[in-house]
PDB file of N, CA and C in Angstrom:
ATOM      1  N   MET A   1       8.004 306.162 245.306  1.00  0.00           N
ATOM      2  CA  MET A   1       8.142 306.305 244.039  1.00  0.00           C
ATOM      3  C   MET A   1       8.261 305.032 243.067  1.00  0.00           C
ATOM      4  N   VAL A   2       6.931 304.788 242.110  1.00  0.00           N
ATOM      5  CA  VAL A   2       6.832 303.624 241.165  1.00  0.00           C
ATOM      6  C   VAL A   2       7.447 304.715 239.878  1.00  0.00           C
ATOM      7  N   LEU A   3       8.426 304.099 239.011  1.00  0.00           N
ATOM      8  CA  LEU A   3       9.377 304.258 237.834  1.00  0.00           C
ATOM      9  C   LEU A   3       8.278 303.393 236.994  1.00  0.00           C
ATOM     10  N   ILE A   4       7.670 303.830 235.983  1.00  0.00           N
ATOM     11  CA  ILE A   4       7.080 302.965 235.032  1.00  0.00           C
ATOM     12  C   ILE A   4       7.536 303.476 233.338  1.00  0.00           C
ATOM     13  N   LEU A   5       8.186 302.282 232.317  1.00  0.00           N
ATOM     14  CA  LEU A   5       9.163 302.568 231.337  1.00  0.00           C
ATOM     15  C   LEU A   5       8.124 302.700 230.291  1.00  0.00           C
ATOM     16  N   THR A   6       7.963 303.132 229.531  1.00  0.00           N
ATOM     17  CA  THR A   6       6.676 303.164 228.497  1.00  0.00           C
ATOM     18  C   THR A   6       7.755 303.971 227.454  1.00  0.00           C
ATOM     19  N   GLU A   7       7.270 303.465 225.679  1.00  0.00           N
ATOM     20  CA  GLU A   7       7.579 303.674 224.651  1.00  0.00           C
ATOM     21  C   GLU A   7       6.612 304.917 223.879  1.00  0.00           C
ATOM     22  N   LYS A   8       7.411 305.575 223.356  1.00  0.00           N
ATOM     23  CA  LYS A   8       6.056 306.623 222.882  1.00  0.00           C
ATOM     24  C   LYS A   8       7.149 306.495 221.272  1.00  0.00           C
ATOM     25  N   GLN A   9       5.595 306.796 219.989  1.00  0.00           N
ATOM     26  CA  GLN A   9       6.134 306.606 218.676  1.00  0.00           C
ATOM     27  C   GLN A   9       5.210 307.857 218.272  1.00  0.00           C
ATOM     28  N   ASN A  10       5.445 308.707 217.266  1.00  0.00           N
ATOM     29  CA  ASN A  10       4.853 309.306 216.956  1.00  0.00           C
ATOM     30  C   ASN A  10       4.350 308.779 216.093  1.00  0.00           C
ATOM     31  N   GLN A  11       2.553 308.795 214.829  1.00  0.00           N
ATOM     32  CA  GLN A  11       1.885 308.328 214.147  1.00  0.00           C
ATOM     33  C   GLN A  11       1.176 309.049 213.319  1.00  0.00           C
ATOM     34  N   LYS A  12       0.923 309.217 212.187  1.00  0.00           N
ATOM     35  CA  LYS A  12       0.304 310.114 211.402  1.00  0.00           C
ATOM     36  C   LYS A  12      -1.044 309.557 210.915  1.00  0.00           C
ATOM     37  N   ILE A  13      -1.988 310.317 211.897  1.00  0.00           N
ATOM     38  CA  ILE A  13      -3.434 309.651 211.082  1.00  0.00           C
ATOM     39  C   ILE A  13      -4.480 310.086 209.893  1.00  0.00           C
ATOM     40  N   SER A  14      -4.542 309.215 209.447  1.00  0.00           N
ATOM     41  CA  SER A  14      -5.025 308.995 208.109  1.00  0.00           C
ATOM     42  C   SER A  14      -6.284 310.044 207.429  1.00  0.00           C
ATOM     43  N   LEU A  15      -6.657 309.849 206.775  1.00  0.00           N
ATOM     44  CA  LEU A  15      -7.806 310.369 206.320  1.00  0.00           C
ATOM     45  C   LEU A  15      -8.985 310.479 207.437  1.00  0.00           C
ATOM     46  N   ASN A  16      -9.442 309.176 207.122  1.00  0.00           N
ATOM     47  CA  ASN A  16     -10.454 308.882 207.617  1.00  0.00           C
ATOM     48  C   ASN A  16     -10.290 307.749 208.766  1.00  0.00           C
ATOM     49  N   GLY A  17      -9.303 308.999 209.802  1.00  0.00           N
ATOM     50  CA  GLY A  17      -9.149 308.578 211.401  1.00  0.00           C
ATOM     51  C   GLY A  17      -8.502 307.543 211.638  1.00  0.00           C
ATOM     52  N   THR A  18      -7.899 306.727 210.933  1.00  0.00           N
ATOM     53  CA  THR A  18      -6.908 305.698 211.313  1.00  0.00           C
ATOM     54  C   THR A  18      -6.031 305.548 212.246  1.00  0.00           C
ATOM     55  N   ILE A  19      -5.758 304.849 213.121  1.00  0.00           N
ATOM     56  CA  ILE A  19      -4.254 305.413 213.210  1.00  0.00           C
ATOM     57  C   ILE A  19      -4.029 303.722 213.554  1.00  0.00           C
ATOM     58  N   VAL A  20      -2.735 303.260 212.768  1.00  0.00           N
ATOM     59  CA  VAL A  20      -1.908 301.919 212.818  1.00  0.00           C
ATOM     60  C   VAL A  20      -1.584 302.065 214.108  1.00  0.00           C
ATOM     61  N   ILE A  21      -1.208 300.446 214.804  1.00  0.00           N
ATOM     62  CA  ILE A  21      -0.365 300.308 215.651  1.00  0.00           C
ATOM     63  C   ILE A  21       0.545 300.062 214.934  1.00  0.00           C
ATOM     64  N   PRO A  22       2.012 300.573 215.437  1.00  0.00           N
ATOM     65  CA  PRO A  22       3.163 299.623 214.900  1.00  0.00           C
ATOM     66  C   PRO A  22       3.163 298.516 215.258  1.00  0.00           C
ATOM     67  N   LYS A  23       3.661 297.775 214.044  1.00  0.00           N
ATOM     68  CA  LYS A  23       4.216 296.292 214.333  1.00  0.00           C
ATOM     69  C   LYS A  23       5.194 295.768 215.431  1.00  0.00           C
ATOM     70  N   LYS A  24       6.126 296.396 215.650  1.00  0.00           N
ATOM     71  CA  LYS A  24       6.897 295.901 216.855  1.00  0.00           C
ATOM     72  C   LYS A  24       6.319 296.194 218.376  1.00  0.00           C
ATOM     73  N   TRP A  25       4.976 296.904 218.363  1.00  0.00           N
ATOM     74  CA  TRP A  25       4.350 296.938 219.072  1.00  0.00           C
ATOM     75  C   TRP A  25       2.854 295.720 219.701  1.00  0.00           C
ATOM     76  N   GLY A  26       2.387 295.181 217.950  1.00  0.00           N
ATOM     77  CA  GLY A  26       1.182 294.672 217.662  1.00  0.00           C
ATOM     78  C   GLY A  26       2.535 293.026 218.263  1.00  0.00           C
ATOM     79  N   ASP A  27       3.365 293.274 217.843  1.00  0.00           N
ATOM     80  CA  ASP A  27       3.696 292.103 218.506  1.00  0.00           C
ATOM     81  C   ASP A  27       4.222 291.830 219.465  1.00  0.00           C
ATOM     82  N   LYS A  28       4.363 292.674 220.501  1.00  0.00           N
ATOM     83  CA  LYS A  28       4.540 292.462 221.928  1.00  0.00           C
ATOM     84  C   LYS A  28       3.347 292.056 222.245  1.00  0.00           C
ATOM     85  N   LEU A  29       2.340 292.739 222.698  1.00  0.00           N
ATOM     86  CA  LEU A  29       1.069 292.308 222.578  1.00  0.00           C
ATOM     87  C   LEU A  29       0.403 291.303 221.718  1.00  0.00           C
ATOM     88  N   ASP A  30       0.916 290.735 220.929  1.00  0.00           N
ATOM     89  CA  ASP A  30       0.670 289.359 220.889  1.00  0.00           C
ATOM     90  C   ASP A  30      -0.932 289.320 219.610  1.00  0.00           C
ATOM     91  N   LEU A  31      -0.965 290.668 218.880  1.00  0.00           N
ATOM     92  CA  LEU A  31      -2.272 291.230 218.130  1.00  0.00           C
ATOM     93  C   LEU A  31      -2.125 290.830 216.820  1.00  0.00           C
ATOM     94  N   ASN A  32      -2.606 289.814 216.221  1.00  0.00           N
ATOM     95  CA  ASN A  32      -3.136 289.651 214.428  1.00  0.00           C
ATOM     96  C   ASN A  32      -3.970 290.836 214.116  1.00  0.00           C
ATOM     97  N   ASP A  33      -4.716 290.574 213.049  1.00  0.00           N
ATOM     98  CA  ASP A  33      -4.873 290.940 211.569  1.00  0.00           C
ATOM     99  C   ASP A  33      -7.015 290.478 213.052  1.00  0.00           C
ATOM    100  N   THR A  34      -7.109 289.568 213.254  1.00  0.00           N
ATOM    101  CA  THR A  34      -8.308 288.948 214.023  1.00  0.00           C
ATOM    102  C   THR A  34      -8.594 289.556 215.556  1.00  0.00           C
ATOM    103  N   ASN A  35      -7.998 289.964 216.201  1.00  0.00           N
ATOM    104  CA  ASN A  35      -7.438 290.421 217.420  1.00  0.00           C
ATOM    105  C   ASN A  35      -8.822 291.481 217.447  1.00  0.00           C
ATOM    106  N   LEU A  36      -9.253 291.562 218.877  1.00  0.00           N
ATOM    107  CA  LEU A  36     -10.213 293.068 219.591  1.00  0.00           C
ATOM    108  C   LEU A  36      -9.349 293.989 219.919  1.00  0.00           C
ATOM    109  N   VAL A  37      -9.361 295.459 220.110  1.00  0.00           N
ATOM    110  CA  VAL A  37      -8.959 295.568 221.212  1.00  0.00           C
ATOM    111  C   VAL A  37     -10.212 296.593 222.197  1.00  0.00           C
ATOM    112  N   GLU A  38      -9.306 297.238 222.740  1.00  0.00           N
ATOM    113  CA  GLU A  38     -10.438 297.830 223.201  1.00  0.00           C
ATOM    114  C   GLU A  38      -9.649 299.602 223.464  1.00  0.00           C
ATOM    115  N   MET A  39      -9.973 300.523 223.271  1.00  0.00           N
ATOM    116  CA  MET A  39     -10.140 301.884 223.159  1.00  0.00           C
ATOM    117  C   MET A  39     -10.747 302.544 224.418  1.00  0.00           C
ATOM    118  N   GLU A  40      -9.439 303.216 224.811  1.00  0.00           N
ATOM    119  CA  GLU A  40     -10.370 304.348 226.406  1.00  0.00           C
ATOM    120  C   GLU A  40      -9.935 305.399 225.913  1.00  0.00           C
ATOM    121  N   LEU A  41     -10.860 306.420 226.207  1.00  0.00           N
ATOM    122  CA  LEU A  41     -10.347 308.290 225.996  1.00  0.00           C
ATOM    123  C   LEU A  41     -10.558 308.253 227.442  1.00  0.00           C
ATOM    124  N   PHE A  42      -9.054 309.384 228.596  1.00  0.00           N
ATOM    125  CA  PHE A  42      -9.213 310.249 229.241  1.00  0.00           C
ATOM    126  C   PHE A  42      -9.728 311.132 229.559  1.00  0.00           C
ATOM    127  N   GLU A  43     -10.181 311.547 229.876  1.00  0.00           N
ATOM    128  CA  GLU A  43     -10.483 313.317 229.969  1.00  0.00           C
ATOM    129  C   GLU A  43      -8.979 314.499 229.822  1.00  0.00           C
ATOM    130  N   ASN A  44      -8.018 313.923 230.346  1.00  0.00           N
ATOM    131  CA  ASN A  44      -6.982 314.411 229.562  1.00  0.00           C
ATOM    132  C   ASN A  44      -6.452 314.466 228.525  1.00  0.00           C
ATOM    133  N   LYS A  45      -6.976 313.636 227.602  1.00  0.00           N
ATOM    134  CA  LYS A  45      -6.310 313.798 225.661  1.00  0.00           C
ATOM    135  C   LYS A  45      -5.627 312.253 226.167  1.00  0.00           C
ATOM    136  N   VAL A  46      -6.012 311.345 226.467  1.00  0.00           N
ATOM    137  CA  VAL A  46      -4.865 310.235 226.342  1.00  0.00           C
ATOM    138  C   VAL A  46      -5.948 308.569 226.215  1.00  0.00           C
ATOM    139  N   ILE A  47      -5.592 308.455 225.198  1.00  0.00           N
ATOM    140  CA  ILE A  47      -6.100 307.204 224.395  1.00  0.00           C
ATOM    141  C   ILE A  47      -5.132 306.159 224.809  1.00  0.00           C
ATOM    142  N   LEU A  48      -5.771 305.007 225.635  1.00  0.00           N
ATOM    143  CA  LEU A  48      -5.366 303.601 225.985  1.00  0.00           C
ATOM    144  C   LEU A  48      -5.941 302.522 225.667  1.00  0.00           C
ATOM    145  N   ILE A  49      -4.812 301.633 224.450  1.00  0.00           N
ATOM    146  CA  ILE A  49      -4.983 300.412 223.496  1.00  0.00           C
ATOM    147  C   ILE A  49      -4.765 299.224 224.735  1.00  0.00           C
ATOM    148  N   ARG A  50      -6.254 298.727 224.940  1.00  0.00           N
ATOM    149  CA  ARG A  50      -5.333 296.668 225.033  1.00  0.00           C
ATOM    150  C   ARG A  50      -5.597 295.968 223.796  1.00  0.00           C
ATOM    151  N   LYS A  51      -5.312 294.878 224.355  1.00  0.00           N
ATOM    152  CA  LYS A  51      -5.591 293.838 224.096  1.00  0.00           C
ATOM    153  C   LYS A  51      -6.615 293.605 224.534  1.00  0.00           C
ATOM    154  N   LYS A  52      -8.412 292.593 223.570  1.00  0.00           N
ATOM    155  CA  LYS A  52      -9.332 292.706 224.259  1.00  0.00           C
ATOM    156  C   LYS A  52      -9.105 291.069 224.375  1.00  0.00           C
ATOM    157  N   LYS A  53      -8.886 290.093 225.714  1.00  0.00           N
ATOM    158  CA  LYS A  53      -8.936 288.650 226.360  1.00  0.00           C
ATOM    159  C   LYS A  53     -10.312 288.353 225.713  1.00  0.00           C
ATOM    160  N   HIS A  54     -10.455 286.898 225.672  1.00  0.00           N
ATOM    161  CA  HIS A  54     -11.650 286.162 225.283  1.00  0.00           C
ATOM    162  C   HIS A  54     -11.341 285.929 227.205  1.00  0.00           C
ATOM    163  N   PRO A  55     -12.729 285.237 226.808  1.00  0.00           N
ATOM    164  CA  PRO A  55     -13.145 284.820 228.527  1.00  0.00           C
ATOM    165  C   PRO A  55     -12.552 283.899 228.479  1.00  0.00           C
ATOM    166  N   LEU A  56     -12.433 282.974 227.675  1.00  0.00           N
ATOM    167  CA  LEU A  56     -11.389 281.769 227.588  1.00  0.00           C
ATOM    168  C   LEU A  56     -10.254 281.783 228.314  1.00  0.00           C
ATOM    169  N   GLU A  57      -9.831 282.515 228.278  1.00  0.00           N
ATOM    170  CA  GLU A  57      -8.362 282.869 227.988  1.00  0.00           C
ATOM    171  C   GLU A  57      -7.796 283.294 229.127  1.00  0.00           C
ATOM    172  N   ILE A  58      -6.706 282.182 229.580  1.00  0.00           N
ATOM    173  CA  ILE A  58      -6.288 282.583 231.374  1.00  0.00           C
ATOM    174  C   ILE A  58      -5.054 283.363 231.168  1.00  0.00           C
ATOM    175  N   GLU A  59      -5.381 284.274 231.843  1.00  0.00           N
ATOM    176  CA  GLU A  59      -4.721 285.683 232.311  1.00  0.00           C
ATOM    177  C   GLU A  59      -3.783 285.243 233.297  1.00  0.00           C
ATOM    178  N   ASP A  60      -4.067 284.469 234.320  1.00  0.00           N
ATOM    179  CA  ASP A  60      -2.964 284.073 235.373  1.00  0.00           C
ATOM    180  C   ASP A  60      -1.731 282.826 235.434  1.00  0.00           C
ATOM    181  N   ASN A  61      -1.390 282.394 235.225  1.00  0.00           N
ATOM    182  CA  ASN A  61      -0.559 281.492 235.018  1.00  0.00           C
ATOM    183  C   ASN A  61      -0.991 280.245 235.718  1.00  0.00           C
ATOM    184  N   LEU A  62      -1.901 279.551 235.860  1.00  0.00           N
ATOM    185  CA  LEU A  62      -2.121 279.023 236.963  1.00  0.00           C
ATOM    186  C   LEU A  62      -1.184 277.818 236.760  1.00  0.00           C
ATOM    187  N   PHE A  63      -0.821 276.900 235.966  1.00  0.00           N
ATOM    188  CA  PHE A  63       0.059 275.931 236.083  1.00  0.00           C
ATOM    189  C   PHE A  63       1.363 276.438 236.785  1.00  0.00           C
ATOM    190  N   ASP A  64       1.816 277.336 237.335  1.00  0.00           N
ATOM    191  CA  ASP A  64       3.032 277.604 238.101  1.00  0.00           C
ATOM    192  C   ASP A  64       2.714 276.396 239.033  1.00  0.00           C
ATOM    193  N   GLY A  65       4.679 275.756 238.907  1.00  0.00           N
ATOM    194  CA  GLY A  65       4.771 274.954 240.557  1.00  0.00           C
ATOM    195  C   GLY A  65       4.346 273.932 239.866  1.00  0.00           C
ATOM    196  N   VAL A  66       3.419 273.265 238.446  1.00  0.00           N
ATOM    197  CA  VAL A  66       2.971 272.084 238.571  1.00  0.00           C
ATOM    198  C   VAL A  66       3.847 271.418 237.619  1.00  0.00           C
ATOM    199  N   SER A  67       4.407 270.187 237.807  1.00  0.00           N
ATOM    200  CA  SER A  67       5.231 269.321 236.904  1.00  0.00           C
ATOM    201  C   SER A  67       4.851 268.911 236.045  1.00  0.00           C
ATOM    202  N   PRO A  68       5.540 268.631 235.307  1.00  0.00           N
ATOM    203  CA  PRO A  68       4.393 268.553 234.210  1.00  0.00           C
ATOM    204  C   PRO A  68       4.578 266.734 233.575  1.00  0.00           C
ATOM    205  N   PHE A  69       3.432 265.498 232.479  1.00  0.00           N
ATOM    206  CA  PHE A  69       3.536 264.907 232.792  1.00  0.00           C
ATOM    207  C   PHE A  69       5.126 263.647 232.622  1.00  0.00           C
ATOM    208  N   SER A  70       5.215 262.760 233.229  1.00  0.00           N
ATOM    209  CA  SER A  70       6.593 262.396 232.927  1.00  0.00           C
ATOM    210  C   SER A  70       6.532 261.624 231.821  1.00  0.00           C
ATOM    211  N   ASP A  71       7.235 261.196 231.095  1.00  0.00           N
ATOM    212  CA  ASP A  71       6.943 260.064 229.899  1.00  0.00           C
ATOM    213  C   ASP A  71       6.556 259.073 230.173  1.00  0.00           C
ATOM    214  N   LYS A  72       6.975 258.521 231.143  1.00  0.00           N
ATOM    215  CA  LYS A  72       5.895 257.067 232.443  1.00  0.00           C
ATOM    216  C   LYS A  72       4.655 257.690 232.517  1.00  0.00           C
ATOM    217  N   GLU A  73       4.814 258.726 232.840  1.00  0.00           N
ATOM    218  CA  GLU A  73       2.837 258.499 233.051  1.00  0.00           C
ATOM    219  C   GLU A  73       2.031 258.859 232.041  1.00  0.00           C
ATOM    220  N   LEU A  74       2.842 259.781 231.012  1.00  0.00           N
ATOM    221  CA  LEU A  74       1.934 259.823 229.962  1.00  0.00           C
ATOM    222  C   LEU A  74       1.920 259.112 229.061  1.00  0.00           C
ATOM    223  N   ALA A  75       2.743 257.777 229.442  1.00  0.00           N
ATOM    224  CA  ALA A  75       2.611 256.469 228.338  1.00  0.00           C
ATOM    225  C   ALA A  75       0.950 255.668 229.576  1.00  0.00           C
ATOM    226  N   GLU A  76       1.327 255.678 230.229  1.00  0.00           N
ATOM    227  CA  GLU A  76       0.109 254.978 230.994  1.00  0.00           C
ATOM    228  C   GLU A  76      -0.956 255.428 230.974  1.00  0.00           C
ATOM    229  N   VAL A  77      -1.537 257.556 230.719  1.00  0.00           N
ATOM    230  CA  VAL A  77      -2.380 257.373 230.623  1.00  0.00           C
ATOM    231  C   VAL A  77      -3.271 257.091 229.412  1.00  0.00           C
ATOM    232  N   LYS A  78      -2.020 257.365 228.311  1.00  0.00           N
ATOM    233  CA  LYS A  78      -2.028 257.082 226.714  1.00  0.00           C
ATOM    234  C   LYS A  78      -3.020 255.380 227.109  1.00  0.00           C
ATOM    235  N   LYS A  79      -2.597 254.703 227.700  1.00  0.00           N
ATOM    236  CA  LYS A  79      -3.372 253.091 227.616  1.00  0.00           C
ATOM    237  C   LYS A  79      -4.406 253.310 228.652  1.00  0.00           C
ATOM    238  N   LYS A  80      -4.414 254.079 229.610  1.00  0.00           N
ATOM    239  CA  LYS A  80      -6.188 253.969 229.905  1.00  0.00           C
ATOM    240  C   LYS A  80      -6.902 254.471 228.786  1.00  0.00           C
ATOM    241  N   LEU A  81      -6.476 255.577 228.118  1.00  0.00           N
ATOM    242  CA  LEU A  81      -7.349 256.360 227.204  1.00  0.00           C
ATOM    243  C   LEU A  81      -7.621 255.513 226.136  1.00  0.00           C
ATOM    244  N   PHE A  82      -6.922 255.251 225.573  1.00  0.00           N
ATOM    245  CA  PHE A  82      -6.730 254.338 224.324  1.00  0.00           C
ATOM    246  C   PHE A  82      -6.726 253.049 224.171  1.00  0.00           C
ATOM    247  N   PRO A  83      -7.452 252.186 225.157  1.00  0.00           N
ATOM    248  CA  PRO A  83      -7.094 250.805 225.082  1.00  0.00           C
ATOM    249  C   PRO A  83      -6.752 250.598 223.911  1.00  0.00           C
ATOM    250  N   ILE A  84      -6.025 249.621 223.585  1.00  0.00           N
ATOM    251  CA  ILE A  84      -6.162 248.072 222.399  1.00  0.00           C
ATOM    252  C   ILE A  84      -6.510 247.417 222.463  1.00  0.00           C
ATOM    253  N   GLU A  85      -6.918 246.073 221.822  1.00  0.00           N
ATOM    254  CA  GLU A  85      -7.790 245.140 222.268  1.00  0.00           C
ATOM    255  C   GLU A  85      -7.222 244.634 221.174  1.00  0.00           C
ATOM    256  N   ASP A  86      -6.796 243.019 222.344  1.00  0.00           N
ATOM    257  CA  ASP A  86      -6.015 241.929 221.373  1.00  0.00           C
ATOM    258  C   ASP A  86      -7.185 240.928 220.423  1.00  0.00           C
TER     259      ASP A  86
END
């Protein structure tokens, strides 16, 4: 048996049919006024709203387990990329 925790909130619909996503939920989804959302209507009268991801957004954590540059390694790379001519 799988248990899925959900949040529920009642929301009024405006005269022109607009539904406002609660700020708390927008914050959890990292939504702002420039984001697109994808809406899906199911036969059982359920509306699913999800943040539309840009194709270049990383969905999986590709750098899991990879250690960052040390300060010494970073300094060496900077010297190679931006050599200072005397």
